[in-house]
């Protein structure tokens, strides 16, 4: 059998929720169920922190690194030349431009 000269397959990352959450214990489950049975007017929210109406921006690259997927895409030669003229990390810059556009236009628009 001929040996292939390829990199090994990348390890699949577990979801963040699996890393930073723990199962709910029996005592906590009973407390949640008791709260669920109570009317909202009977629950004391005085020690709860104030909720900001606007969600903070996610700082991509600091703690959150989305998985990247390799694709094939056709762009104009002049567009590609312009991005390549930005330097070695033109693909990273292209991704940042696309991300800004995605965040500026919420779903459904």
PDB file of N, CA and C in Angstrom:
ATOM      1  N   UNK A   1       0.834  -1.171   0.000  1.00  0.00           N
ATOM      2  CA  UNK A   1       0.000   0.000   0.000  1.00  0.00           C
ATOM      3  C   UNK A   1       0.887   1.245   0.000  1.00  0.00           C
ATOM      4  N   UNK A   2       0.564   2.168  -0.866  1.00  0.00           N
ATOM      5  CA  UNK A   2       1.346   3.382  -0.991  1.00  0.00           C
ATOM      6  C   UNK A   2       0.946   4.388   0.090  1.00  0.00           C
ATOM      7  N   UNK A   3       1.935   4.992   0.732  1.00  0.00           N
ATOM      8  CA  UNK A   3       1.681   5.968   1.787  1.00  0.00           C
ATOM      9  C   UNK A   3       1.312   7.303   1.144  1.00  0.00           C
ATOM     10  N   UNK A   4       0.261   7.925   1.686  1.00  0.00           N
ATOM     11  CA  UNK A   4      -0.182   9.219   1.176  1.00  0.00           C
ATOM     12  C   UNK A   4       0.579  10.333   1.866  1.00  0.00           C
ATOM     13  N   UNK A   5       0.945  11.316   1.111  1.00  0.00           N
ATOM     14  CA  UNK A   5       1.641  12.481   1.660  1.00  0.00           C
ATOM     15  C   UNK A   5       0.620  13.579   1.940  1.00  0.00           C
ATOM     16  N   UNK A   6      -0.193  13.376   2.952  1.00  0.00           N
ATOM     17  CA  UNK A   6      -1.195  14.377   3.300  1.00  0.00           C
ATOM     18  C   UNK A   6      -1.200  14.589   4.804  1.00  0.00           C
ATOM     19  N   UNK A   7      -1.659  15.738   5.183  1.00  0.00           N
ATOM     20  CA  UNK A   7      -1.773  16.018   6.606  1.00  0.00           C
ATOM     21  C   UNK A   7      -2.852  15.137   7.212  1.00  0.00           C
ATOM     22  N   UNK A   8      -2.725  14.914   8.498  1.00  0.00           N
ATOM     23  CA  UNK A   8      -3.768  14.148   9.174  1.00  0.00           C
ATOM     24  C   UNK A   8      -5.025  14.997   9.277  1.00  0.00           C
ATOM     25  N   UNK A   9      -6.154  14.331   9.427  1.00  0.00           N
ATOM     26  CA  UNK A   9      -7.429  15.023   9.486  1.00  0.00           C
ATOM     27  C   UNK A   9      -7.490  15.892  10.739  1.00  0.00           C
ATOM     28  N   UNK A  10      -8.054  17.099  10.586  1.00  0.00           N
ATOM     29  CA  UNK A  10      -8.156  18.011  11.717  1.00  0.00           C
ATOM     30  C   UNK A  10      -9.138  17.473  12.740  1.00  0.00           C
ATOM     31  N   UNK A  11      -8.802  17.692  13.992  1.00  0.00           N
ATOM     32  CA  UNK A  11      -9.670  17.260  15.079  1.00  0.00           C
ATOM     33  C   UNK A  11     -10.906  18.147  15.123  1.00  0.00           C
ATOM     34  N   UNK A  12     -12.079  17.529  15.284  1.00  0.00           N
ATOM     35  CA  UNK A  12     -13.306  18.296  15.360  1.00  0.00           C
ATOM     36  C   UNK A  12     -13.421  18.908  16.754  1.00  0.00           C
ATOM     37  N   UNK A  13     -13.685  20.211  16.809  1.00  0.00           N
ATOM     38  CA  UNK A  13     -13.794  20.902  18.088  1.00  0.00           C
ATOM     39  C   UNK A  13     -15.141  20.601  18.738  1.00  0.00           C
ATOM     40  N   UNK A  14     -15.134  20.371  20.042  1.00  0.00           N
ATOM     41  CA  UNK A  14     -16.424  20.195  20.734  1.00  0.00           C
ATOM     42  C   UNK A  14     -17.118  21.546  20.861  1.00  0.00           C
ATOM     43  N   UNK A  15     -18.435  21.562  20.941  1.00  0.00           N
ATOM     44  CA  UNK A  15     -19.124  22.842  21.108  1.00  0.00           C
ATOM     45  C   UNK A  15     -18.759  23.478  22.451  1.00  0.00           C
ATOM     46  N   UNK A  16     -18.754  24.794  22.486  1.00  0.00           N
ATOM     47  CA  UNK A  16     -18.384  25.516  23.698  1.00  0.00           C
ATOM     48  C   UNK A  16     -19.316  25.159  24.842  1.00  0.00           C
ATOM     49  N   UNK A  17     -20.592  24.930  24.518  1.00  0.00           N
ATOM     50  CA  UNK A  17     -21.543  24.596  25.574  1.00  0.00           C
ATOM     51  C   UNK A  17     -21.142  23.316  26.297  1.00  0.00           C
ATOM     52  N   UNK A  18     -20.461  22.417  25.624  1.00  0.00           N
ATOM     53  CA  UNK A  18     -20.021  21.175  26.264  1.00  0.00           C
ATOM     54  C   UNK A  18     -18.818  21.407  27.168  1.00  0.00           C
ATOM     55  N   UNK A  19     -18.068  22.463  26.913  1.00  0.00           N
ATOM     56  CA  UNK A  19     -16.875  22.735  27.699  1.00  0.00           C
ATOM     57  C   UNK A  19     -17.164  23.538  28.967  1.00  0.00           C
ATOM     58  N   UNK A  20     -18.124  24.455  28.895  1.00  0.00           N
ATOM     59  CA  UNK A  20     -18.321  25.393  29.986  1.00  0.00           C
ATOM     60  C   UNK A  20     -19.638  25.215  30.732  1.00  0.00           C
ATOM     61  N   UNK A  21     -20.318  24.139  30.542  1.00  0.00           N
ATOM     62  CA  UNK A  21     -21.541  23.877  31.288  1.00  0.00           C
ATOM     63  C   UNK A  21     -21.410  22.559  32.015  1.00  0.00           C
ATOM     64  N   UNK A  22     -22.194  22.407  33.052  1.00  0.00           N
ATOM     65  CA  UNK A  22     -22.181  21.160  33.796  1.00  0.00           C
ATOM     66  C   UNK A  22     -23.627  20.701  33.946  1.00  0.00           C
ATOM     67  N   UNK A  23     -23.855  19.420  34.176  1.00  0.00           N
ATOM     68  CA  UNK A  23     -25.223  18.939  34.340  1.00  0.00           C
ATOM     69  C   UNK A  23     -25.877  19.561  35.576  1.00  0.00           C
ATOM     70  N   UNK A  24     -27.177  19.769  35.501  1.00  0.00           N
ATOM     71  CA  UNK A  24     -27.930  20.330  36.612  1.00  0.00           C
ATOM     72  C   UNK A  24     -28.174  19.227  37.628  1.00  0.00           C
ATOM     73  N   UNK A  25     -27.885  19.500  38.908  1.00  0.00           N
ATOM     74  CA  UNK A  25     -28.081  18.530  39.975  1.00  0.00           C
ATOM     75  C   UNK A  25     -29.549  18.415  40.371  1.00  0.00           C
ATOM     76  N   UNK A  26     -29.853  17.406  41.191  1.00  0.00           N
ATOM     77  CA  UNK A  26     -31.238  17.175  41.608  1.00  0.00           C
ATOM     78  C   UNK A  26     -31.793  18.362  42.399  1.00  0.00           C
ATOM     79  N   UNK A  27     -30.963  18.902  43.316  1.00  0.00           N
ATOM     80  CA  UNK A  27     -31.412  20.028  44.137  1.00  0.00           C
ATOM     81  C   UNK A  27     -31.708  21.254  43.272  1.00  0.00           C
ATOM     82  N   UNK A  28     -30.805  21.556  42.335  1.00  0.00           N
ATOM     83  CA  UNK A  28     -31.015  22.697  41.447  1.00  0.00           C
ATOM     84  C   UNK A  28     -32.247  22.503  40.582  1.00  0.00           C
ATOM     85  N   UNK A  29     -32.453  21.265  40.093  1.00  0.00           N
ATOM     86  CA  UNK A  29     -33.628  20.974  39.268  1.00  0.00           C
ATOM     87  C   UNK A  29     -34.911  21.235  40.049  1.00  0.00           C
ATOM     88  N   UNK A  30     -34.940  20.831  41.347  1.00  0.00           N
ATOM     89  CA  UNK A  30     -36.124  21.066  42.182  1.00  0.00           C
ATOM     90  C   UNK A  30     -36.360  22.570  42.352  1.00  0.00           C
ATOM     91  N   UNK A  31     -35.272  23.344  42.533  1.00  0.00           N
ATOM     92  CA  UNK A  31     -35.416  24.795  42.673  1.00  0.00           C
ATOM     93  C   UNK A  31     -35.967  25.415  41.391  1.00  0.00           C
ATOM     94  N   UNK A  32     -35.481  24.977  40.254  1.00  0.00           N
ATOM     95  CA  UNK A  32     -35.974  25.486  38.969  1.00  0.00           C
ATOM     96  C   UNK A  32     -37.451  25.152  38.780  1.00  0.00           C
ATOM     97  N   UNK A  33     -37.815  23.940  39.132  1.00  0.00           N
ATOM     98  CA  UNK A  33     -39.219  23.537  38.986  1.00  0.00           C
ATOM     99  C   UNK A  33     -40.121  24.351  39.904  1.00  0.00           C
ATOM    100  N   UNK A  34     -39.643  24.634  41.134  1.00  0.00           N
ATOM    101  CA  UNK A  34     -40.433  25.453  42.061  1.00  0.00           C
ATOM    102  C   UNK A  34     -40.587  26.872  41.520  1.00  0.00           C
ATOM    103  N   UNK A  35     -39.513  27.420  40.939  1.00  0.00           N
ATOM    104  CA  UNK A  35     -39.609  28.746  40.333  1.00  0.00           C
ATOM    105  C   UNK A  35     -40.555  28.759  39.146  1.00  0.00           C
ATOM    106  N   UNK A  36     -40.545  27.704  38.366  1.00  0.00           N
ATOM    107  CA  UNK A  36     -41.412  27.631  37.186  1.00  0.00           C
ATOM    108  C   UNK A  36     -42.880  27.617  37.587  1.00  0.00           C
ATOM    109  N   UNK A  37     -43.176  27.047  38.754  1.00  0.00           N
ATOM    110  CA  UNK A  37     -44.574  26.985  39.206  1.00  0.00           C
ATOM    111  C   UNK A  37     -45.052  28.309  39.793  1.00  0.00           C
ATOM    112  N   UNK A  38     -44.116  29.171  40.210  1.00  0.00           N
ATOM    113  CA  UNK A  38     -44.487  30.452  40.821  1.00  0.00           C
ATOM    114  C   UNK A  38     -44.925  31.457  39.758  1.00  0.00           C
ATOM    115  N   UNK A  39     -45.897  32.312  40.083  1.00  0.00           N
ATOM    116  CA  UNK A  39     -46.238  33.393  39.143  1.00  0.00           C
ATOM    117  C   UNK A  39     -45.105  34.417  39.113  1.00  0.00           C
ATOM    118  N   UNK A  40     -44.956  35.113  38.013  1.00  0.00           N
ATOM    119  CA  UNK A  40     -43.873  36.091  37.863  1.00  0.00           C
ATOM    120  C   UNK A  40     -43.924  37.174  38.933  1.00  0.00           C
ATOM    121  N   UNK A  41     -45.124  37.551  39.351  1.00  0.00           N
ATOM    122  CA  UNK A  41     -45.253  38.620  40.347  1.00  0.00           C
ATOM    123  C   UNK A  41     -44.713  38.200  41.715  1.00  0.00           C
ATOM    124  N   UNK A  42     -44.581  36.903  41.987  1.00  0.00           N
ATOM    125  CA  UNK A  42     -44.104  36.419  43.278  1.00  0.00           C
ATOM    126  C   UNK A  42     -42.583  36.251  43.312  1.00  0.00           C
ATOM    127  N   UNK A  43     -41.919  36.376  42.188  1.00  0.00           N
ATOM    128  CA  UNK A  43     -40.472  36.180  42.123  1.00  0.00           C
ATOM    129  C   UNK A  43     -39.777  37.504  42.412  1.00  0.00           C
ATOM    130  N   UNK A  44     -38.787  37.484  43.307  1.00  0.00           N
ATOM    131  CA  UNK A  44     -38.032  38.677  43.695  1.00  0.00           C
ATOM    132  C   UNK A  44     -36.844  38.841  42.743  1.00  0.00           C
ATOM    133  N   UNK A  45     -36.885  39.899  41.938  1.00  0.00           N
ATOM    134  CA  UNK A  45     -35.817  40.170  40.979  1.00  0.00           C
ATOM    135  C   UNK A  45     -34.885  41.281  41.458  1.00  0.00           C
ATOM    136  N   UNK A  46     -34.979  41.689  42.715  1.00  0.00           N
ATOM    137  CA  UNK A  46     -34.222  42.846  43.195  1.00  0.00           C
ATOM    138  C   UNK A  46     -32.709  42.632  43.146  1.00  0.00           C
ATOM    139  N   UNK A  47     -32.246  41.390  43.269  1.00  0.00           N
ATOM    140  CA  UNK A  47     -30.803  41.150  43.246  1.00  0.00           C
ATOM    141  C   UNK A  47     -30.283  40.790  41.859  1.00  0.00           C
ATOM    142  N   UNK A  48     -31.170  40.778  40.859  1.00  0.00           N
ATOM    143  CA  UNK A  48     -30.750  40.459  39.493  1.00  0.00           C
ATOM    144  C   UNK A  48     -30.105  41.688  38.857  1.00  0.00           C
ATOM    145  N   UNK A  49     -29.014  41.513  38.118  1.00  0.00           N
ATOM    146  CA  UNK A  49     -28.372  42.664  37.471  1.00  0.00           C
ATOM    147  C   UNK A  49     -29.259  43.231  36.369  1.00  0.00           C
ATOM    148  N   UNK A  50     -29.094  44.513  36.106  1.00  0.00           N
ATOM    149  CA  UNK A  50     -29.864  45.166  35.051  1.00  0.00           C
ATOM    150  C   UNK A  50     -29.474  44.587  33.702  1.00  0.00           C
ATOM    151  N   UNK A  51     -30.450  44.417  32.837  1.00  0.00           N
ATOM    152  CA  UNK A  51     -30.211  43.847  31.512  1.00  0.00           C
ATOM    153  C   UNK A  51     -30.051  44.985  30.519  1.00  0.00           C
ATOM    154  N   UNK A  52     -29.004  44.937  29.752  1.00  0.00           N
ATOM    155  CA  UNK A  52     -28.760  45.922  28.711  1.00  0.00           C
ATOM    156  C   UNK A  52     -29.638  45.602  27.524  1.00  0.00           C
ATOM    157  N   UNK A  53     -30.314  46.585  26.961  1.00  0.00           N
ATOM    158  CA  UNK A  53     -31.174  46.351  25.811  1.00  0.00           C
ATOM    159  C   UNK A  53     -30.345  45.957  24.583  1.00  0.00           C
ATOM    160  N   UNK A  54     -29.158  46.526  24.451  1.00  0.00           N
ATOM    161  CA  UNK A  54     -28.307  46.210  23.316  1.00  0.00           C
ATOM    162  C   UNK A  54     -27.323  45.117  23.699  1.00  0.00           C
ATOM    163  N   UNK A  55     -27.198  44.147  22.841  1.00  0.00           N
ATOM    164  CA  UNK A  55     -26.236  43.073  23.091  1.00  0.00           C
ATOM    165  C   UNK A  55     -24.836  43.568  22.780  1.00  0.00           C
ATOM    166  N   UNK A  56     -23.849  43.197  23.602  1.00  0.00           N
ATOM    167  CA  UNK A  56     -22.478  43.624  23.293  1.00  0.00           C
ATOM    168  C   UNK A  56     -21.974  42.922  22.039  1.00  0.00           C
ATOM    169  N   UNK A  57     -21.075  43.574  21.357  1.00  0.00           N
ATOM    170  CA  UNK A  57     -20.493  42.988  20.159  1.00  0.00           C
ATOM    171  C   UNK A  57     -19.588  41.827  20.535  1.00  0.00           C
ATOM    172  N   UNK A  58     -19.624  40.776  19.741  1.00  0.00           N
ATOM    173  CA  UNK A  58     -18.734  39.639  19.952  1.00  0.00           C
ATOM    174  C   UNK A  58     -17.359  40.026  19.420  1.00  0.00           C
ATOM    175  N   UNK A  59     -16.334  39.842  20.208  1.00  0.00           N
ATOM    176  CA  UNK A  59     -14.977  40.155  19.788  1.00  0.00           C
ATOM    177  C   UNK A  59     -14.380  38.917  19.140  1.00  0.00           C
ATOM    178  N   UNK A  60     -14.543  38.811  17.844  1.00  0.00           N
ATOM    179  CA  UNK A  60     -14.024  37.668  17.111  1.00  0.00           C
ATOM    180  C   UNK A  60     -12.516  37.718  17.143  1.00  0.00           C
ATOM    181  N   UNK A  61     -11.900  36.596  17.470  1.00  0.00           N
ATOM    182  CA  UNK A  61     -10.457  36.523  17.502  1.00  0.00           C
ATOM    183  C   UNK A  61      -9.887  36.670  18.900  1.00  0.00           C
ATOM    184  N   UNK A  62     -10.683  37.146  19.839  1.00  0.00           N
ATOM    185  CA  UNK A  62     -10.180  37.279  21.205  1.00  0.00           C
ATOM    186  C   UNK A  62     -10.462  35.998  21.985  1.00  0.00           C
ATOM    187  N   UNK A  63     -11.730  35.671  22.183  1.00  0.00           N
ATOM    188  CA  UNK A  63     -12.088  34.432  22.870  1.00  0.00           C
ATOM    189  C   UNK A  63     -12.855  33.498  21.937  1.00  0.00           C
ATOM    190  N   UNK A  64     -13.519  34.074  20.955  1.00  0.00           N
ATOM    191  CA  UNK A  64     -14.370  33.304  20.048  1.00  0.00           C
ATOM    192  C   UNK A  64     -13.671  33.164  18.705  1.00  0.00           C
ATOM    193  N   UNK A  65     -13.435  31.954  18.297  1.00  0.00           N
ATOM    194  CA  UNK A  65     -12.828  31.712  16.988  1.00  0.00           C
ATOM    195  C   UNK A  65     -13.723  30.740  16.226  1.00  0.00           C
ATOM    196  N   UNK A  66     -14.482  31.259  15.253  1.00  0.00           N
ATOM    197  CA  UNK A  66     -15.374  30.370  14.506  1.00  0.00           C
ATOM    198  C   UNK A  66     -14.578  29.397  13.657  1.00  0.00           C
ATOM    199  N   UNK A  67     -15.147  28.228  13.454  1.00  0.00           N
ATOM    200  CA  UNK A  67     -14.511  27.259  12.564  1.00  0.00           C
ATOM    201  C   UNK A  67     -14.540  27.821  11.158  1.00  0.00           C
ATOM    202  N   UNK A  68     -13.517  27.571  10.415  1.00  0.00           N
ATOM    203  CA  UNK A  68     -13.454  28.048   9.033  1.00  0.00           C
ATOM    204  C   UNK A  68     -13.691  26.869   8.104  1.00  0.00           C
ATOM    205  N   UNK A  69     -14.265  27.181   6.962  1.00  0.00           N
ATOM    206  CA  UNK A  69     -14.584  26.152   5.983  1.00  0.00           C
ATOM    207  C   UNK A  69     -13.981  26.569   4.647  1.00  0.00           C
ATOM    208  N   UNK A  70     -13.299  25.637   4.023  1.00  0.00           N
ATOM    209  CA  UNK A  70     -12.684  25.935   2.734  1.00  0.00           C
ATOM    210  C   UNK A  70     -13.745  25.817   1.651  1.00  0.00           C
ATOM    211  N   UNK A  71     -13.811  26.834   0.792  1.00  0.00           N
ATOM    212  CA  UNK A  71     -14.785  26.832  -0.304  1.00  0.00           C
ATOM    213  C   UNK A  71     -14.092  27.270  -1.580  1.00  0.00           C
ATOM    214  N   UNK A  72     -14.802  27.138  -2.661  1.00  0.00           N
ATOM    215  CA  UNK A  72     -14.339  27.657  -3.938  1.00  0.00           C
ATOM    216  C   UNK A  72     -15.342  28.723  -4.354  1.00  0.00           C
ATOM    217  N   UNK A  73     -14.850  29.898  -4.693  1.00  0.00           N
ATOM    218  CA  UNK A  73     -15.743  31.010  -5.033  1.00  0.00           C
ATOM    219  C   UNK A  73     -15.169  31.761  -6.228  1.00  0.00           C
ATOM    220  N   UNK A  74     -16.046  32.268  -7.057  1.00  0.00           N
ATOM    221  CA  UNK A  74     -15.608  33.045  -8.211  1.00  0.00           C
ATOM    222  C   UNK A  74     -15.817  34.527  -7.919  1.00  0.00           C
ATOM    223  N   UNK A  75     -14.750  35.289  -8.058  1.00  0.00           N
ATOM    224  CA  UNK A  75     -14.829  36.744  -7.906  1.00  0.00           C
ATOM    225  C   UNK A  75     -14.155  37.365  -9.116  1.00  0.00           C
ATOM    226  N   UNK A  76     -14.452  38.612  -9.340  1.00  0.00           N
ATOM    227  CA  UNK A  76     -13.831  39.316 -10.458  1.00  0.00           C
ATOM    228  C   UNK A  76     -12.321  39.401 -10.277  1.00  0.00           C
ATOM    229  N   UNK A  77     -11.602  39.347 -11.392  1.00  0.00           N
ATOM    230  CA  UNK A  77     -10.137  39.398 -11.337  1.00  0.00           C
ATOM    231  C   UNK A  77      -9.655  40.692 -10.702  1.00  0.00           C
ATOM    232  N   UNK A  78     -10.365  41.792 -10.981  1.00  0.00           N
ATOM    233  CA  UNK A  78      -9.962  43.072 -10.401  1.00  0.00           C
ATOM    234  C   UNK A  78     -10.195  43.104  -8.888  1.00  0.00           C
ATOM    235  N   UNK A  79     -11.280  42.457  -8.428  1.00  0.00           N
ATOM    236  CA  UNK A  79     -11.564  42.391  -6.989  1.00  0.00           C
ATOM    237  C   UNK A  79     -10.492  41.568  -6.292  1.00  0.00           C
ATOM    238  N   UNK A  80     -10.146  40.407  -6.871  1.00  0.00           N
ATOM    239  CA  UNK A  80      -9.120  39.555  -6.285  1.00  0.00           C
ATOM    240  C   UNK A  80      -7.766  40.271  -6.262  1.00  0.00           C
ATOM    241  N   UNK A  81      -7.444  40.960  -7.339  1.00  0.00           N
ATOM    242  CA  UNK A  81      -6.163  41.697  -7.393  1.00  0.00           C
ATOM    243  C   UNK A  81      -6.120  42.770  -6.315  1.00  0.00           C
ATOM    244  N   UNK A  82      -7.259  43.457  -6.091  1.00  0.00           N
ATOM    245  CA  UNK A  82      -7.292  44.494  -5.070  1.00  0.00           C
ATOM    246  C   UNK A  82      -7.062  43.899  -3.678  1.00  0.00           C
ATOM    247  N   UNK A  83      -7.739  42.769  -3.379  1.00  0.00           N
ATOM    248  CA  UNK A  83      -7.542  42.138  -2.075  1.00  0.00           C
ATOM    249  C   UNK A  83      -6.108  41.624  -1.922  1.00  0.00           C
ATOM    250  N   UNK A  84      -5.555  41.039  -2.980  1.00  0.00           N
ATOM    251  CA  UNK A  84      -4.175  40.536  -2.905  1.00  0.00           C
ATOM    252  C   UNK A  84      -3.173  41.671  -2.713  1.00  0.00           C
ATOM    253  N   UNK A  85      -3.504  42.846  -3.217  1.00  0.00           N
ATOM    254  CA  UNK A  85      -2.593  43.986  -3.057  1.00  0.00           C
ATOM    255  C   UNK A  85      -2.526  44.450  -1.603  1.00  0.00           C
ATOM    256  N   UNK A  86      -3.439  43.984  -0.764  1.00  0.00           N
ATOM    257  CA  UNK A  86      -3.460  44.354   0.655  1.00  0.00           C
ATOM    258  C   UNK A  86      -2.368  43.644   1.449  1.00  0.00           C
ATOM    259  N   UNK A  87      -1.776  42.589   0.881  1.00  0.00           N
ATOM    260  CA  UNK A  87      -0.690  41.904   1.575  1.00  0.00           C
ATOM    261  C   UNK A  87      -0.931  40.410   1.700  1.00  0.00           C
ATOM    262  N   UNK A  88      -0.064  39.751   2.479  1.00  0.00           N
ATOM    263  CA  UNK A  88      -0.104  38.294   2.600  1.00  0.00           C
ATOM    264  C   UNK A  88      -1.405  37.780   3.202  1.00  0.00           C
ATOM    265  N   UNK A  89      -1.993  38.529   4.109  1.00  0.00           N
ATOM    266  CA  UNK A  89      -3.201  38.058   4.795  1.00  0.00           C
ATOM    267  C   UNK A  89      -4.467  38.574   4.110  1.00  0.00           C
ATOM    268  N   UNK A  90      -4.478  38.586   2.801  1.00  0.00           N
ATOM    269  CA  UNK A  90      -5.631  39.126   2.086  1.00  0.00           C
ATOM    270  C   UNK A  90      -6.877  38.286   2.311  1.00  0.00           C
ATOM    271  N   UNK A  91      -6.727  36.969   2.515  1.00  0.00           N
ATOM    272  CA  UNK A  91      -7.897  36.125   2.756  1.00  0.00           C
ATOM    273  C   UNK A  91      -8.531  36.453   4.109  1.00  0.00           C
ATOM    274  N   UNK A  92      -7.719  36.729   5.112  1.00  0.00           N
ATOM    275  CA  UNK A  92      -8.230  37.132   6.416  1.00  0.00           C
ATOM    276  C   UNK A  92      -8.969  38.454   6.302  1.00  0.00           C
ATOM    277  N   UNK A  93      -8.404  39.374   5.533  1.00  0.00           N
ATOM    278  CA  UNK A  93      -9.052  40.668   5.324  1.00  0.00           C
ATOM    279  C   UNK A  93     -10.375  40.489   4.580  1.00  0.00           C
ATOM    280  N   UNK A  94     -10.396  39.636   3.566  1.00  0.00           N
ATOM    281  CA  UNK A  94     -11.620  39.359   2.817  1.00  0.00           C
ATOM    282  C   UNK A  94     -12.690  38.801   3.758  1.00  0.00           C
ATOM    283  N   UNK A  95     -12.301  37.894   4.654  1.00  0.00           N
ATOM    284  CA  UNK A  95     -13.237  37.329   5.625  1.00  0.00           C
ATOM    285  C   UNK A  95     -13.781  38.422   6.543  1.00  0.00           C
ATOM    286  N   UNK A  96     -12.924  39.348   6.973  1.00  0.00           N
ATOM    287  CA  UNK A  96     -13.361  40.434   7.854  1.00  0.00           C
ATOM    288  C   UNK A  96     -14.361  41.347   7.146  1.00  0.00           C
ATOM    289  N   UNK A  97     -14.116  41.626   5.867  1.00  0.00           N
ATOM    290  CA  UNK A  97     -15.034  42.467   5.096  1.00  0.00           C
ATOM    291  C   UNK A  97     -16.389  41.774   4.973  1.00  0.00           C
ATOM    292  N   UNK A  98     -16.383  40.491   4.674  1.00  0.00           N
ATOM    293  CA  UNK A  98     -17.639  39.748   4.560  1.00  0.00           C
ATOM    294  C   UNK A  98     -18.371  39.683   5.913  1.00  0.00           C
ATOM    295  N   UNK A  99     -17.619  39.507   6.999  1.00  0.00           N
ATOM    296  CA  UNK A  99     -18.232  39.461   8.331  1.00  0.00           C
ATOM    297  C   UNK A  99     -18.891  40.807   8.678  1.00  0.00           C
ATOM    298  N   UNK A 100     -18.202  41.921   8.377  1.00  0.00           N
ATOM    299  CA  UNK A 100     -18.788  43.247   8.639  1.00  0.00           C
ATOM    300  C   UNK A 100     -20.089  43.421   7.869  1.00  0.00           C
ATOM    301  N   UNK A 101     -20.098  42.992   6.625  1.00  0.00           N
ATOM    302  CA  UNK A 101     -21.304  43.099   5.806  1.00  0.00           C
ATOM    303  C   UNK A 101     -22.420  42.231   6.376  1.00  0.00           C
ATOM    304  N   UNK A 102     -22.075  41.028   6.826  1.00  0.00           N
ATOM    305  CA  UNK A 102     -23.058  40.111   7.413  1.00  0.00           C
ATOM    306  C   UNK A 102     -23.671  40.723   8.679  1.00  0.00           C
ATOM    307  N   UNK A 103     -22.851  41.341   9.522  1.00  0.00           N
ATOM    308  CA  UNK A 103     -23.340  41.921  10.767  1.00  0.00           C
ATOM    309  C   UNK A 103     -24.139  43.194  10.524  1.00  0.00           C
ATOM    310  N   UNK A 104     -23.859  43.895   9.451  1.00  0.00           N
ATOM    311  CA  UNK A 104     -24.596  45.123   9.131  1.00  0.00           C
ATOM    312  C   UNK A 104     -25.980  44.825   8.590  1.00  0.00           C
ATOM    313  N   UNK A 105     -26.175  43.632   8.069  1.00  0.00           N
ATOM    314  CA  UNK A 105     -27.475  43.264   7.486  1.00  0.00           C
ATOM    315  C   UNK A 105     -28.026  42.039   8.211  1.00  0.00           C
ATOM    316  N   UNK A 106     -28.865  42.250   9.213  1.00  0.00           N
ATOM    317  CA  UNK A 106     -29.421  41.104   9.953  1.00  0.00           C
ATOM    318  C   UNK A 106     -30.224  40.194   9.027  1.00  0.00           C
ATOM    319  N   UNK A 107     -30.461  38.969   9.504  1.00  0.00           N
ATOM    320  CA  UNK A 107     -31.234  38.004   8.716  1.00  0.00           C
ATOM    321  C   UNK A 107     -32.589  38.564   8.370  1.00  0.00           C
ATOM    322  N   UNK A 108     -33.097  38.181   7.228  1.00  0.00           N
ATOM    323  CA  UNK A 108     -34.432  38.596   6.824  1.00  0.00           C
ATOM    324  C   UNK A 108     -34.452  39.882   6.010  1.00  0.00           C
ATOM    325  N   UNK A 109     -33.305  40.526   5.853  1.00  0.00           N
ATOM    326  CA  UNK A 109     -33.273  41.771   5.069  1.00  0.00           C
ATOM    327  C   UNK A 109     -32.608  41.545   3.750  1.00  0.00           C
TER     328      UNK A 109
END
